Amino acid sequence: MAETKNSTYESIMRDLRARKFAPVYYLMGEESYYIDKITEYIAGNVLKPEERDFNQTVMFGSDVSAAQIVDAARRYPMMAERQVVIVKEAQNLRNTDAIDSYLKNPSETTVLVMCHKNGSIDRRKKLASAVEKVGVLFESKKLRERELPGFIETYLRQNGASIDPKSQQIIADSVGADLNRLVGELDKLMIALPENDRRVTPKVVEEQIGVSKDFNSFELRDAIVNRNVFKANQIVKYFDENPKSGSLYSFLPMLFNYFQNLMIAFYCPQKGNQDALVKWLELSSSWAAKDYITGMRNYSGMKVMQIISKIREIDAKSKGLDNPNTPVGELMKELIFFIFH
């Protein structure tokens, strides 16, 4: 999952649950989900409920200076072993010199949490090296598309539910990589599951998330992989008539990712071996490798190169380049025709 050179989300949470607290946590990155989860755990578990009124402070980077943060961190806890100071929107701090100085000798009774979203500090700067010397510097990165099914499966398993690979992919393709939204949808699925059957199936996904189990990006990809011309055109027609269900803009990255990986698969020394392909392509499971073995059987390396080039062309046209008025639906049909012919 999300990680930095020294710290992963899992290792940080493991230490927190063991009540091994660092004097400072600098949580930064594009993916807010992990930043929020770590911060919420610290806010809810470091102090006892009766200690929080006087020993837990929440500040905002746009409203305070670094000196004010340091003043709060230097205070002694009141009738408690330690205090917690949480700074949200730390990316809005104008100057961090006072924090740099504080980190040379941080208070042993303070847990300082800096939440820096939508970006990261330069690791070459003084602040980054100062944090790494005494505490935790964590960068929360966006998950890559191929990591989403694994995240979905793990999240559901940890909450007592199971899911099949097809449903994983349907959810990943339809919801996308915004983990806060994704977790919200998974929570909604789990609430709808009966106590005696905690399985997430395509039917459950269709009912709860509103993604058709028969006409979705997963089924389109599957039809293309298996050269099922009739089914692929059925799905494209469905999306053309039901634009809220899906569009070219969401499918192009998925198809580009598949054919790009398929091109790489041709260079695998043991391209007919599922386990070898899993390692070669860094896939989440051997189940995922089957589509690449099928793809290499149905498309030549030269055709795959041509398809990748065509996807780039269609992407440019969809954004208006050399295309004054061709509708998105026609561009989808043009791409599908090219792939199969």
C-alpha atoms as a PDB file:
ATOM      1  CA  MET A   1       0.000   0.000   0.000  1.00  0.00           C
ATOM      2  CA  ALA A   2       1.016   3.598   0.352  1.00  0.00           C
ATOM      3  CA  GLU A   3       4.570   3.967   1.648  1.00  0.00           C
ATOM      4  CA  THR A   4       7.750   5.974   1.905  1.00  0.00           C
ATOM      5  CA  LYS A   5      11.363   4.938   2.041  1.00  0.00           C
ATOM      6  CA  ASN A   6      11.140   4.157   5.757  1.00  0.00           C
ATOM      7  CA  SER A   7       7.494   3.955   6.784  1.00  0.00           C
ATOM      8  CA  THR A   8       4.423   2.165   5.473  1.00  0.00           C
ATOM      9  CA  TYR A   9       0.845   2.653   6.579  1.00  0.00           C
ATOM     10  CA  GLU A  10       0.860  -0.868   8.001  1.00  0.00           C
ATOM     11  CA  SER A  11       4.082  -0.382  10.012  1.00  0.00           C
ATOM     12  CA  ILE A  12       2.857   2.939  11.423  1.00  0.00           C
ATOM     13  CA  MET A  13      -0.479   1.445  12.473  1.00  0.00           C
ATOM     14  CA  ARG A  14       1.285  -1.581  13.981  1.00  0.00           C
ATOM     15  CA  ASP A  15       3.409   0.662  16.190  1.00  0.00           C
ATOM     16  CA  LEU A  16       0.439   2.834  17.156  1.00  0.00           C
ATOM     17  CA  ARG A  17      -1.601  -0.190  18.213  1.00  0.00           C
ATOM     18  CA  ALA A  18       1.381  -1.321  20.304  1.00  0.00           C
ATOM     19  CA  ARG A  19       1.389   2.187  21.863  1.00  0.00           C
ATOM     20  CA  LYS A  20       4.805   2.989  20.440  1.00  0.00           C
ATOM     21  CA  PHE A  21       4.391   6.704  19.768  1.00  0.00           C
ATOM     22  CA  ALA A  22       6.857   8.908  17.901  1.00  0.00           C
ATOM     23  CA  PRO A  23       7.253  12.568  18.973  1.00  0.00           C
ATOM     24  CA  VAL A  24       6.273  13.743  15.478  1.00  0.00           C
ATOM     25  CA  TYR A  25       4.355  12.362  12.498  1.00  0.00           C
ATOM     26  CA  TYR A  26       4.587  14.265   9.231  1.00  0.00           C
ATOM     27  CA  LEU A  27       1.863  12.780   7.018  1.00  0.00           C
ATOM     28  CA  MET A  28       1.903  14.023   3.442  1.00  0.00           C
ATOM     29  CA  GLY A  29       0.839  13.057  -0.058  1.00  0.00           C
ATOM     30  CA  GLU A  30      -1.859  13.001  -2.712  1.00  0.00           C
ATOM     31  CA  GLU A  31      -3.939  10.225  -1.116  1.00  0.00           C
ATOM     32  CA  SER A  32      -5.806  11.669   1.859  1.00  0.00           C
ATOM     33  CA  TYR A  33      -7.272   8.322   2.970  1.00  0.00           C
ATOM     34  CA  TYR A  34      -4.153   7.036   4.746  1.00  0.00           C
ATOM     35  CA  ILE A  35      -3.399  10.455   6.250  1.00  0.00           C
ATOM     36  CA  ASP A  36      -6.921  10.597   7.690  1.00  0.00           C
ATOM     37  CA  LYS A  37      -6.820   7.023   9.027  1.00  0.00           C
ATOM     38  CA  ILE A  38      -3.539   7.545  10.902  1.00  0.00           C
ATOM     39  CA  THR A  39      -4.674  10.915  12.274  1.00  0.00           C
ATOM     40  CA  GLU A  40      -8.047   9.540  13.375  1.00  0.00           C
ATOM     41  CA  TYR A  41      -6.377   6.655  15.191  1.00  0.00           C
ATOM     42  CA  ILE A  42      -3.992   8.963  17.042  1.00  0.00           C
ATOM     43  CA  ALA A  43      -6.833  11.354  17.946  1.00  0.00           C
ATOM     44  CA  GLY A  44      -8.983   8.511  19.240  1.00  0.00           C
ATOM     45  CA  ASN A  45      -6.465   6.276  20.977  1.00  0.00           C
ATOM     46  CA  VAL A  46      -3.374   8.035  22.339  1.00  0.00           C
ATOM     47  CA  LEU A  47      -5.281   9.734  25.153  1.00  0.00           C
ATOM     48  CA  LYS A  48      -8.098   8.494  27.347  1.00  0.00           C
ATOM     49  CA  PRO A  49     -11.445  10.230  26.709  1.00  0.00           C
ATOM     50  CA  GLU A  50     -11.249  12.110  30.000  1.00  0.00           C
ATOM     51  CA  GLU A  51      -7.751  13.420  29.128  1.00  0.00           C
ATOM     52  CA  ARG A  52      -8.612  14.947  25.750  1.00  0.00           C
ATOM     53  CA  ASP A  53     -10.302  18.174  26.846  1.00  0.00           C
ATOM     54  CA  PHE A  54      -7.060  19.642  28.173  1.00  0.00           C
ATOM     55  CA  ASN A  55      -4.442  17.614  26.293  1.00  0.00           C
ATOM     56  CA  GLN A  56      -5.596  17.344  22.684  1.00  0.00           C
ATOM     57  CA  THR A  57      -5.252  20.383  20.421  1.00  0.00           C
ATOM     58  CA  VAL A  58      -6.314  20.692  16.784  1.00  0.00           C
ATOM     59  CA  MET A  59      -4.866  23.567  14.748  1.00  0.00           C
ATOM     60  CA  PHE A  60      -5.028  24.593  11.078  1.00  0.00           C
ATOM     61  CA  GLY A  61      -1.976  25.606   9.074  1.00  0.00           C
ATOM     62  CA  SER A  62      -3.787  28.525   7.455  1.00  0.00           C
ATOM     63  CA  ASP A  63      -4.716  29.988  10.871  1.00  0.00           C
ATOM     64  CA  VAL A  64      -1.506  29.603  12.901  1.00  0.00           C
ATOM     65  CA  SER A  65       2.230  30.161  12.586  1.00  0.00           C
ATOM     66  CA  ALA A  66       4.990  27.609  13.115  1.00  0.00           C
ATOM     67  CA  ALA A  67       5.882  29.420  16.340  1.00  0.00           C
ATOM     68  CA  GLN A  68       2.349  28.923  17.691  1.00  0.00           C
ATOM     69  CA  ILE A  69       2.542  25.215  16.858  1.00  0.00           C
ATOM     70  CA  VAL A  70       5.836  24.936  18.720  1.00  0.00           C
ATOM     71  CA  ASP A  71       4.385  26.787  21.721  1.00  0.00           C
ATOM     72  CA  ALA A  72       1.543  24.250  21.852  1.00  0.00           C
ATOM     73  CA  ALA A  73       3.959  21.324  21.478  1.00  0.00           C
ATOM     74  CA  ARG A  74       6.178  22.637  24.311  1.00  0.00           C
ATOM     75  CA  ARG A  75       3.347  22.754  26.836  1.00  0.00           C
ATOM     76  CA  TYR A  76       3.263  20.128  29.557  1.00  0.00           C
ATOM     77  CA  PRO A  77       0.287  17.763  29.647  1.00  0.00           C
ATOM     78  CA  MET A  78      -2.304  18.290  32.381  1.00  0.00           C
ATOM     79  CA  MET A  79      -2.934  15.238  34.567  1.00  0.00           C
ATOM     80  CA  ALA A  80      -1.906  12.931  31.713  1.00  0.00           C
ATOM     81  CA  GLU A  81       1.209  11.151  30.514  1.00  0.00           C
ATOM     82  CA  ARG A  82       1.294  13.039  27.220  1.00  0.00           C
ATOM     83  CA  GLN A  83      -0.553  15.475  24.988  1.00  0.00           C
ATOM     84  CA  VAL A  84      -1.496  15.380  21.290  1.00  0.00           C
ATOM     85  CA  VAL A  85      -1.172  18.341  18.913  1.00  0.00           C
ATOM     86  CA  ILE A  86      -2.716  17.847  15.450  1.00  0.00           C
ATOM     87  CA  VAL A  87      -2.018  20.368  12.697  1.00  0.00           C
ATOM     88  CA  LYS A  88      -4.378  20.032   9.736  1.00  0.00           C
ATOM     89  CA  GLU A  89      -3.681  21.712   6.381  1.00  0.00           C
ATOM     90  CA  ALA A  90       0.016  21.897   7.263  1.00  0.00           C
ATOM     91  CA  GLN A  91       0.725  22.624   3.583  1.00  0.00           C
ATOM     92  CA  ASN A  92      -0.584  26.165   4.230  1.00  0.00           C
ATOM     93  CA  LEU A  93       2.143  27.044   6.740  1.00  0.00           C
ATOM     94  CA  ARG A  94       4.181  29.933   5.365  1.00  0.00           C
ATOM     95  CA  ASN A  95       7.374  29.170   7.245  1.00  0.00           C
ATOM     96  CA  THR A  96       8.551  26.110   9.176  1.00  0.00           C
ATOM     97  CA  ASP A  97      11.808  27.398  10.692  1.00  0.00           C
ATOM     98  CA  ALA A  98      10.440  27.238  14.241  1.00  0.00           C
ATOM     99  CA  ILE A  99       9.380  23.615  13.700  1.00  0.00           C
ATOM    100  CA  ASP A 100      12.822  22.765  12.306  1.00  0.00           C
ATOM    101  CA  SER A 101      14.350  24.086  15.532  1.00  0.00           C
ATOM    102  CA  TYR A 102      11.787  22.284  17.716  1.00  0.00           C
ATOM    103  CA  LEU A 103      12.624  18.941  16.090  1.00  0.00           C
ATOM    104  CA  LYS A 104      16.227  19.216  17.265  1.00  0.00           C
ATOM    105  CA  ASN A 105      14.879  18.570  20.766  1.00  0.00           C
ATOM    106  CA  PRO A 106      11.191  17.592  20.611  1.00  0.00           C
ATOM    107  CA  SER A 107       9.141  17.222  23.766  1.00  0.00           C
ATOM    108  CA  GLU A 108       8.987  13.637  25.019  1.00  0.00           C
ATOM    109  CA  THR A 109       5.453  14.199  26.318  1.00  0.00           C
ATOM    110  CA  THR A 110       3.968  15.493  23.040  1.00  0.00           C
ATOM    111  CA  VAL A 111       2.750  13.633  19.969  1.00  0.00           C
ATOM    112  CA  LEU A 112       2.816  16.204  17.162  1.00  0.00           C
ATOM    113  CA  VAL A 113       0.889  15.274  13.990  1.00  0.00           C
ATOM    114  CA  MET A 114       1.343  17.363  10.829  1.00  0.00           C
ATOM    115  CA  CYS A 115      -1.189  16.664   8.063  1.00  0.00           C
ATOM    116  CA  HIS A 116       0.043  17.874   4.673  1.00  0.00           C
ATOM    117  CA  LYS A 117      -2.435  16.971   1.903  1.00  0.00           C
ATOM    118  CA  ASN A 118      -2.404  17.358  -1.889  1.00  0.00           C
ATOM    119  CA  GLY A 119       1.358  17.335  -2.114  1.00  0.00           C
ATOM    120  CA  SER A 120       4.604  16.573  -0.309  1.00  0.00           C
ATOM    121  CA  ILE A 121       7.542  18.459   1.138  1.00  0.00           C
ATOM    122  CA  ASP A 122      10.877  18.260  -0.634  1.00  0.00           C
ATOM    123  CA  ARG A 123      12.861  15.455   1.004  1.00  0.00           C
ATOM    124  CA  ARG A 124      16.039  17.460   0.494  1.00  0.00           C
ATOM    125  CA  LYS A 125      14.756  20.245   2.744  1.00  0.00           C
ATOM    126  CA  LYS A 126      15.745  20.633   6.378  1.00  0.00           C
ATOM    127  CA  LEU A 127      12.243  19.837   7.660  1.00  0.00           C
ATOM    128  CA  ALA A 128      12.112  16.409   6.001  1.00  0.00           C
ATOM    129  CA  SER A 129      15.494  15.306   7.350  1.00  0.00           C
ATOM    130  CA  ALA A 130      14.654  16.682  10.806  1.00  0.00           C
ATOM    131  CA  VAL A 131      11.412  14.682  10.927  1.00  0.00           C
ATOM    132  CA  GLU A 132      13.127  11.484   9.773  1.00  0.00           C
ATOM    133  CA  LYS A 133      15.740  11.765  12.533  1.00  0.00           C
ATOM    134  CA  VAL A 134      13.264  11.848  15.401  1.00  0.00           C
ATOM    135  CA  GLY A 135       9.896  10.708  14.091  1.00  0.00           C
ATOM    136  CA  VAL A 136       7.867   9.430  11.148  1.00  0.00           C
ATOM    137  CA  LEU A 137       7.847  10.915   7.653  1.00  0.00           C
ATOM    138  CA  PHE A 138       5.101   9.241   5.631  1.00  0.00           C
ATOM    139  CA  GLU A 139       4.062   9.835   2.040  1.00  0.00           C
ATOM    140  CA  SER A 140       0.584   8.633   1.137  1.00  0.00           C
ATOM    141  CA  LYS A 141       0.587   7.885  -2.578  1.00  0.00           C
ATOM    142  CA  LYS A 142      -2.359   7.242  -4.858  1.00  0.00           C
ATOM    143  CA  LEU A 143      -2.852   3.554  -5.554  1.00  0.00           C
ATOM    144  CA  ARG A 144      -2.181   2.441  -9.092  1.00  0.00           C
ATOM    145  CA  GLU A 145      -5.104   0.952 -11.036  1.00  0.00           C
ATOM    146  CA  ARG A 146      -3.737  -2.558 -10.750  1.00  0.00           C
ATOM    147  CA  GLU A 147      -3.554  -2.231  -6.960  1.00  0.00           C
ATOM    148  CA  LEU A 148      -7.249  -1.377  -6.501  1.00  0.00           C
ATOM    149  CA  PRO A 149      -8.678  -4.933  -6.725  1.00  0.00           C
ATOM    150  CA  GLY A 150      -6.221  -6.063  -4.040  1.00  0.00           C
ATOM    151  CA  PHE A 151      -7.194  -3.135  -1.808  1.00  0.00           C
ATOM    152  CA  ILE A 152     -10.883  -3.970  -2.261  1.00  0.00           C
ATOM    153  CA  GLU A 153     -10.376  -7.650  -1.456  1.00  0.00           C
ATOM    154  CA  THR A 154      -8.267  -6.886   1.637  1.00  0.00           C
ATOM    155  CA  TYR A 155     -10.643  -4.234   2.984  1.00  0.00           C
ATOM    156  CA  LEU A 156     -13.668  -6.527   2.676  1.00  0.00           C
ATOM    157  CA  ARG A 157     -11.815  -9.527   4.158  1.00  0.00           C
ATOM    158  CA  GLN A 158     -10.734  -7.465   7.159  1.00  0.00           C
ATOM    159  CA  ASN A 159     -14.391  -6.613   7.689  1.00  0.00           C
ATOM    160  CA  GLY A 160     -15.665 -10.182   7.431  1.00  0.00           C
ATOM    161  CA  ALA A 161     -16.785 -10.216   3.798  1.00  0.00           C
ATOM    162  CA  SER A 162     -15.506 -11.856   0.615  1.00  0.00           C
ATOM    163  CA  ILE A 163     -15.567 -10.870  -3.049  1.00  0.00           C
ATOM    164  CA  ASP A 164     -14.868 -12.584  -6.363  1.00  0.00           C
ATOM    165  CA  PRO A 165     -12.271 -11.208  -8.825  1.00  0.00           C
ATOM    166  CA  LYS A 166     -14.884 -10.080 -11.346  1.00  0.00           C
ATOM    167  CA  SER A 167     -16.705  -7.980  -8.744  1.00  0.00           C
ATOM    168  CA  GLN A 168     -13.370  -6.516  -7.573  1.00  0.00           C
ATOM    169  CA  GLN A 169     -12.610  -5.313 -11.084  1.00  0.00           C
ATOM    170  CA  ILE A 170     -16.117  -3.957 -11.716  1.00  0.00           C
ATOM    171  CA  ILE A 171     -15.927  -1.855  -8.533  1.00  0.00           C
ATOM    172  CA  ALA A 172     -12.369  -0.695  -9.242  1.00  0.00           C
ATOM    173  CA  ASP A 173     -13.244   0.385 -12.780  1.00  0.00           C
ATOM    174  CA  SER A 174     -16.498   2.102 -11.870  1.00  0.00           C
ATOM    175  CA  VAL A 175     -15.489   3.853  -8.627  1.00  0.00           C
ATOM    176  CA  GLY A 176     -11.832   4.627  -9.367  1.00  0.00           C
ATOM    177  CA  ALA A 177      -8.821   5.364  -7.166  1.00  0.00           C
ATOM    178  CA  ASP A 178     -10.360   7.871  -4.726  1.00  0.00           C
ATOM    179  CA  LEU A 179     -10.008   5.663  -1.643  1.00  0.00           C
ATOM    180  CA  ASN A 180     -12.383   7.673   0.532  1.00  0.00           C
ATOM    181  CA  ARG A 181     -15.135   7.251  -2.058  1.00  0.00           C
ATOM    182  CA  LEU A 182     -14.156   3.634  -2.664  1.00  0.00           C
ATOM    183  CA  VAL A 183     -14.307   2.759   1.041  1.00  0.00           C
ATOM    184  CA  GLY A 184     -17.687   4.514   1.274  1.00  0.00           C
ATOM    185  CA  GLU A 185     -19.046   2.298  -1.503  1.00  0.00           C
ATOM    186  CA  LEU A 186     -17.579  -0.849   0.100  1.00  0.00           C
ATOM    187  CA  ASP A 187     -19.132   0.064   3.447  1.00  0.00           C
ATOM    188  CA  LYS A 188     -22.481   0.484   1.689  1.00  0.00           C
ATOM    189  CA  LEU A 189     -22.082  -2.968   0.138  1.00  0.00           C
ATOM    190  CA  MET A 190     -21.317  -4.583   3.502  1.00  0.00           C
ATOM    191  CA  ILE A 191     -24.364  -3.020   5.156  1.00  0.00           C
ATOM    192  CA  ALA A 192     -26.542  -4.566   2.421  1.00  0.00           C
ATOM    193  CA  LEU A 193     -25.095  -8.084   2.857  1.00  0.00           C
ATOM    194  CA  PRO A 194     -27.208 -10.534   4.907  1.00  0.00           C
ATOM    195  CA  GLU A 195     -25.577 -11.933   8.042  1.00  0.00           C
ATOM    196  CA  ASN A 196     -25.693 -15.480   6.671  1.00  0.00           C
ATOM    197  CA  ASP A 197     -24.059 -14.648   3.331  1.00  0.00           C
ATOM    198  CA  ARG A 198     -21.198 -12.126   3.422  1.00  0.00           C
ATOM    199  CA  ARG A 199     -20.239 -12.469  -0.256  1.00  0.00           C
ATOM    200  CA  VAL A 200     -20.071  -9.548  -2.669  1.00  0.00           C
ATOM    201  CA  THR A 201     -21.169 -10.693  -6.136  1.00  0.00           C
ATOM    202  CA  PRO A 202     -21.753  -8.834  -9.433  1.00  0.00           C
ATOM    203  CA  LYS A 203     -25.497  -8.866  -8.640  1.00  0.00           C
ATOM    204  CA  VAL A 204     -24.871  -7.161  -5.280  1.00  0.00           C
ATOM    205  CA  VAL A 205     -22.619  -4.584  -6.980  1.00  0.00           C
ATOM    206  CA  GLU A 206     -25.314  -3.857  -9.567  1.00  0.00           C
ATOM    207  CA  GLU A 207     -27.995  -3.394  -6.897  1.00  0.00           C
ATOM    208  CA  GLN A 208     -25.967  -1.307  -4.450  1.00  0.00           C
ATOM    209  CA  ILE A 209     -23.528   0.698  -6.602  1.00  0.00           C
ATOM    210  CA  GLY A 210     -25.659   0.899  -9.719  1.00  0.00           C
ATOM    211  CA  VAL A 211     -23.174  -0.697 -12.121  1.00  0.00           C
ATOM    212  CA  SER A 212     -24.758  -3.143 -14.550  1.00  0.00           C
ATOM    213  CA  LYS A 213     -23.386  -6.650 -14.070  1.00  0.00           C
ATOM    214  CA  ASP A 214     -23.682  -7.247 -17.823  1.00  0.00           C
ATOM    215  CA  PHE A 215     -22.734  -3.856 -19.278  1.00  0.00           C
ATOM    216  CA  ASN A 216     -19.688  -2.449 -17.546  1.00  0.00           C
ATOM    217  CA  SER A 217     -16.020  -1.753 -18.194  1.00  0.00           C
ATOM    218  CA  PHE A 218     -14.977  -5.191 -16.926  1.00  0.00           C
ATOM    219  CA  GLU A 219     -17.290  -6.922 -19.407  1.00  0.00           C
ATOM    220  CA  LEU A 220     -16.073  -4.668 -22.236  1.00  0.00           C
ATOM    221  CA  ARG A 221     -12.465  -5.501 -21.418  1.00  0.00           C
ATOM    222  CA  ASP A 222     -13.337  -9.200 -21.208  1.00  0.00           C
ATOM    223  CA  ALA A 223     -15.073  -9.090 -24.587  1.00  0.00           C
ATOM    224  CA  ILE A 224     -12.043  -7.407 -26.179  1.00  0.00           C
ATOM    225  CA  VAL A 225      -9.593  -9.853 -24.586  1.00  0.00           C
ATOM    226  CA  ASN A 226     -11.614 -12.806 -25.896  1.00  0.00           C
ATOM    227  CA  ARG A 227     -12.380 -11.153 -29.260  1.00  0.00           C
ATOM    228  CA  ASN A 228     -16.124 -11.335 -28.658  1.00  0.00           C
ATOM    229  CA  VAL A 229     -17.112  -8.799 -31.309  1.00  0.00           C
ATOM    230  CA  PHE A 230     -20.864  -9.045 -30.789  1.00  0.00           C
ATOM    231  CA  LYS A 231     -20.691  -8.550 -27.011  1.00  0.00           C
ATOM    232  CA  ALA A 232     -18.202  -5.663 -27.254  1.00  0.00           C
ATOM    233  CA  ASN A 233     -20.444  -3.805 -29.699  1.00  0.00           C
ATOM    234  CA  GLN A 234     -23.488  -4.492 -27.507  1.00  0.00           C
ATOM    235  CA  ILE A 235     -21.718  -2.879 -24.548  1.00  0.00           C
ATOM    236  CA  VAL A 236     -20.525   0.121 -26.566  1.00  0.00           C
ATOM    237  CA  LYS A 237     -24.078   0.618 -27.871  1.00  0.00           C
ATOM    238  CA  TYR A 238     -25.406   0.432 -24.290  1.00  0.00           C
ATOM    239  CA  PHE A 239     -22.975   3.083 -23.094  1.00  0.00           C
ATOM    240  CA  ASP A 240     -23.758   5.300 -26.071  1.00  0.00           C
ATOM    241  CA  GLU A 241     -27.441   5.147 -25.125  1.00  0.00           C
ATOM    242  CA  ASN A 242     -26.782   5.355 -21.366  1.00  0.00           C
ATOM    243  CA  PRO A 243     -23.914   7.862 -20.959  1.00  0.00           C
ATOM    244  CA  LYS A 244     -24.303   7.971 -17.155  1.00  0.00           C
ATOM    245  CA  SER A 245     -23.330   4.296 -16.989  1.00  0.00           C
ATOM    246  CA  GLY A 246     -19.912   4.839 -18.555  1.00  0.00           C
ATOM    247  CA  SER A 247     -18.012   6.740 -21.188  1.00  0.00           C
ATOM    248  CA  LEU A 248     -14.969   6.701 -23.386  1.00  0.00           C
ATOM    249  CA  TYR A 249     -13.115   8.871 -20.866  1.00  0.00           C
ATOM    250  CA  SER A 250     -13.244   6.151 -18.210  1.00  0.00           C
ATOM    251  CA  PHE A 251     -12.552   3.226 -20.555  1.00  0.00           C
ATOM    252  CA  LEU A 252      -9.555   4.573 -22.443  1.00  0.00           C
ATOM    253  CA  PRO A 253      -7.159   4.438 -19.439  1.00  0.00           C
ATOM    254  CA  MET A 254      -8.346   0.897 -18.645  1.00  0.00           C
ATOM    255  CA  LEU A 255      -7.828  -0.330 -22.220  1.00  0.00           C
ATOM    256  CA  PHE A 256      -4.511   1.491 -22.567  1.00  0.00           C
ATOM    257  CA  ASN A 257      -3.280  -0.102 -19.336  1.00  0.00           C
ATOM    258  CA  TYR A 258      -4.309  -3.578 -20.528  1.00  0.00           C
ATOM    259  CA  PHE A 259      -2.678  -3.349 -23.962  1.00  0.00           C
ATOM    260  CA  GLN A 260       0.429  -1.689 -22.538  1.00  0.00           C
ATOM    261  CA  ASN A 261       0.825  -4.614 -20.130  1.00  0.00           C
ATOM    262  CA  LEU A 262       0.037  -7.042 -22.951  1.00  0.00           C
ATOM    263  CA  MET A 263       2.913  -5.555 -24.946  1.00  0.00           C
ATOM    264  CA  ILE A 264       5.229  -6.100 -21.961  1.00  0.00           C
ATOM    265  CA  ALA A 265       3.899  -9.656 -21.559  1.00  0.00           C
ATOM    266  CA  PHE A 266       5.255 -10.594 -24.990  1.00  0.00           C
ATOM    267  CA  TYR A 267       8.773 -10.075 -23.597  1.00  0.00           C
ATOM    268  CA  CYS A 268       8.286 -12.373 -20.598  1.00  0.00           C
ATOM    269  CA  PRO A 269      10.745 -15.316 -20.820  1.00  0.00           C
ATOM    270  CA  GLN A 270       7.954 -17.686 -19.729  1.00  0.00           C
ATOM    271  CA  LYS A 271       4.967 -15.902 -21.193  1.00  0.00           C
ATOM    272  CA  GLY A 272       2.808 -19.032 -21.140  1.00  0.00           C
ATOM    273  CA  ASN A 273       3.277 -19.503 -17.388  1.00  0.00           C
ATOM    274  CA  GLN A 274       0.728 -17.732 -15.165  1.00  0.00           C
ATOM    275  CA  ASP A 275       3.020 -17.438 -12.136  1.00  0.00           C
ATOM    276  CA  ALA A 276       5.853 -16.071 -14.265  1.00  0.00           C
ATOM    277  CA  LEU A 277       3.526 -13.468 -15.792  1.00  0.00           C
ATOM    278  CA  VAL A 278       2.282 -12.424 -12.351  1.00  0.00           C
ATOM    279  CA  LYS A 279       5.853 -11.565 -11.334  1.00  0.00           C
ATOM    280  CA  TRP A 280       6.768 -10.064 -14.723  1.00  0.00           C
ATOM    281  CA  LEU A 281       3.743  -7.730 -14.809  1.00  0.00           C
ATOM    282  CA  GLU A 282       3.517  -7.249 -11.016  1.00  0.00           C
ATOM    283  CA  LEU A 283      -0.085  -8.467 -11.011  1.00  0.00           C
ATOM    284  CA  SER A 284      -2.179  -8.977  -7.902  1.00  0.00           C
ATOM    285  CA  SER A 285      -3.064 -12.612  -8.629  1.00  0.00           C
ATOM    286  CA  SER A 286      -2.638 -15.511 -11.064  1.00  0.00           C
ATOM    287  CA  TRP A 287      -6.283 -14.981 -12.016  1.00  0.00           C
ATOM    288  CA  ALA A 288      -5.315 -11.658 -13.590  1.00  0.00           C
ATOM    289  CA  ALA A 289      -2.588 -13.334 -15.681  1.00  0.00           C
ATOM    290  CA  LYS A 290      -5.139 -15.411 -17.618  1.00  0.00           C
ATOM    291  CA  ASP A 291      -6.311 -12.358 -19.549  1.00  0.00           C
ATOM    292  CA  TYR A 292      -2.771 -11.700 -20.774  1.00  0.00           C
ATOM    293  CA  ILE A 293      -2.226 -15.292 -21.871  1.00  0.00           C
ATOM    294  CA  THR A 294      -5.531 -15.102 -23.775  1.00  0.00           C
ATOM    295  CA  GLY A 295      -4.606 -11.706 -25.188  1.00  0.00           C
ATOM    296  CA  MET A 296      -1.271 -12.955 -26.546  1.00  0.00           C
ATOM    297  CA  ARG A 297      -3.164 -15.768 -28.242  1.00  0.00           C
ATOM    298  CA  ASN A 298      -5.735 -13.432 -29.816  1.00  0.00           C
ATOM    299  CA  TYR A 299      -3.520 -10.445 -30.749  1.00  0.00           C
ATOM    300  CA  SER A 300      -0.069 -10.316 -32.325  1.00  0.00           C
ATOM    301  CA  GLY A 301       2.652  -8.081 -30.911  1.00  0.00           C
ATOM    302  CA  MET A 302       2.416  -5.857 -34.002  1.00  0.00           C
ATOM    303  CA  LYS A 303      -1.366  -5.513 -33.625  1.00  0.00           C
ATOM    304  CA  VAL A 304      -0.971  -4.585 -29.955  1.00  0.00           C
ATOM    305  CA  MET A 305       1.464  -1.805 -30.909  1.00  0.00           C
ATOM    306  CA  GLN A 306      -1.055  -0.519 -33.463  1.00  0.00           C
ATOM    307  CA  ILE A 307      -3.893  -0.648 -30.890  1.00  0.00           C
ATOM    308  CA  ILE A 308      -1.852   1.349 -28.366  1.00  0.00           C
ATOM    309  CA  SER A 309      -1.220   3.977 -31.047  1.00  0.00           C
ATOM    310  CA  LYS A 310      -4.938   4.021 -31.944  1.00  0.00           C
ATOM    311  CA  ILE A 311      -5.951   4.481 -28.293  1.00  0.00           C
ATOM    312  CA  ARG A 312      -3.641   7.517 -28.130  1.00  0.00           C
ATOM    313  CA  GLU A 313      -5.227   8.885 -31.304  1.00  0.00           C
ATOM    314  CA  ILE A 314      -8.781   8.387 -29.997  1.00  0.00           C
ATOM    315  CA  ASP A 315      -7.798   9.983 -26.677  1.00  0.00           C
ATOM    316  CA  ALA A 316      -6.540  13.068 -28.520  1.00  0.00           C
ATOM    317  CA  LYS A 317      -9.706  13.209 -30.652  1.00  0.00           C
ATOM    318  CA  SER A 318     -11.912  12.912 -27.563  1.00  0.00           C
ATOM    319  CA  LYS A 319     -10.192  16.066 -26.276  1.00  0.00           C
ATOM    320  CA  GLY A 320     -10.875  17.955 -29.503  1.00  0.00           C
ATOM    321  CA  LEU A 321      -7.528  17.548 -31.277  1.00  0.00           C
ATOM    322  CA  ASP A 322      -8.141  17.271 -35.051  1.00  0.00           C
ATOM    323  CA  ASN A 323     -11.756  16.455 -34.249  1.00  0.00           C
ATOM    324  CA  PRO A 324     -14.199  19.364 -34.439  1.00  0.00           C
ATOM    325  CA  ASN A 325     -17.459  17.443 -34.003  1.00  0.00           C
ATOM    326  CA  THR A 326     -17.223  13.623 -33.905  1.00  0.00           C
ATOM    327  CA  PRO A 327     -19.395  12.418 -30.972  1.00  0.00           C
ATOM    328  CA  VAL A 328     -17.833  10.336 -28.204  1.00  0.00           C
ATOM    329  CA  GLY A 329     -20.075   7.390 -29.086  1.00  0.00           C
ATOM    330  CA  GLU A 330     -18.711   7.322 -32.638  1.00  0.00           C
ATOM    331  CA  LEU A 331     -15.139   7.457 -31.330  1.00  0.00           C
ATOM    332  CA  MET A 332     -15.879   4.446 -29.124  1.00  0.00           C
ATOM    333  CA  LYS A 333     -17.203   2.523 -32.132  1.00  0.00           C
ATOM    334  CA  GLU A 334     -14.183   3.563 -34.203  1.00  0.00           C
ATOM    335  CA  LEU A 335     -11.793   2.226 -31.556  1.00  0.00           C
ATOM    336  CA  ILE A 336     -13.633  -1.081 -31.134  1.00  0.00           C
ATOM    337  CA  PHE A 337     -13.740  -1.602 -34.915  1.00  0.00           C
ATOM    338  CA  PHE A 338      -9.992  -0.966 -35.159  1.00  0.00           C
ATOM    339  CA  ILE A 339      -9.187  -3.365 -32.318  1.00  0.00           C
ATOM    340  CA  PHE A 340     -11.080  -6.249 -33.965  1.00  0.00           C
ATOM    341  CA  HIS A 341     -10.004  -5.614 -37.573  1.00  0.00           C
END
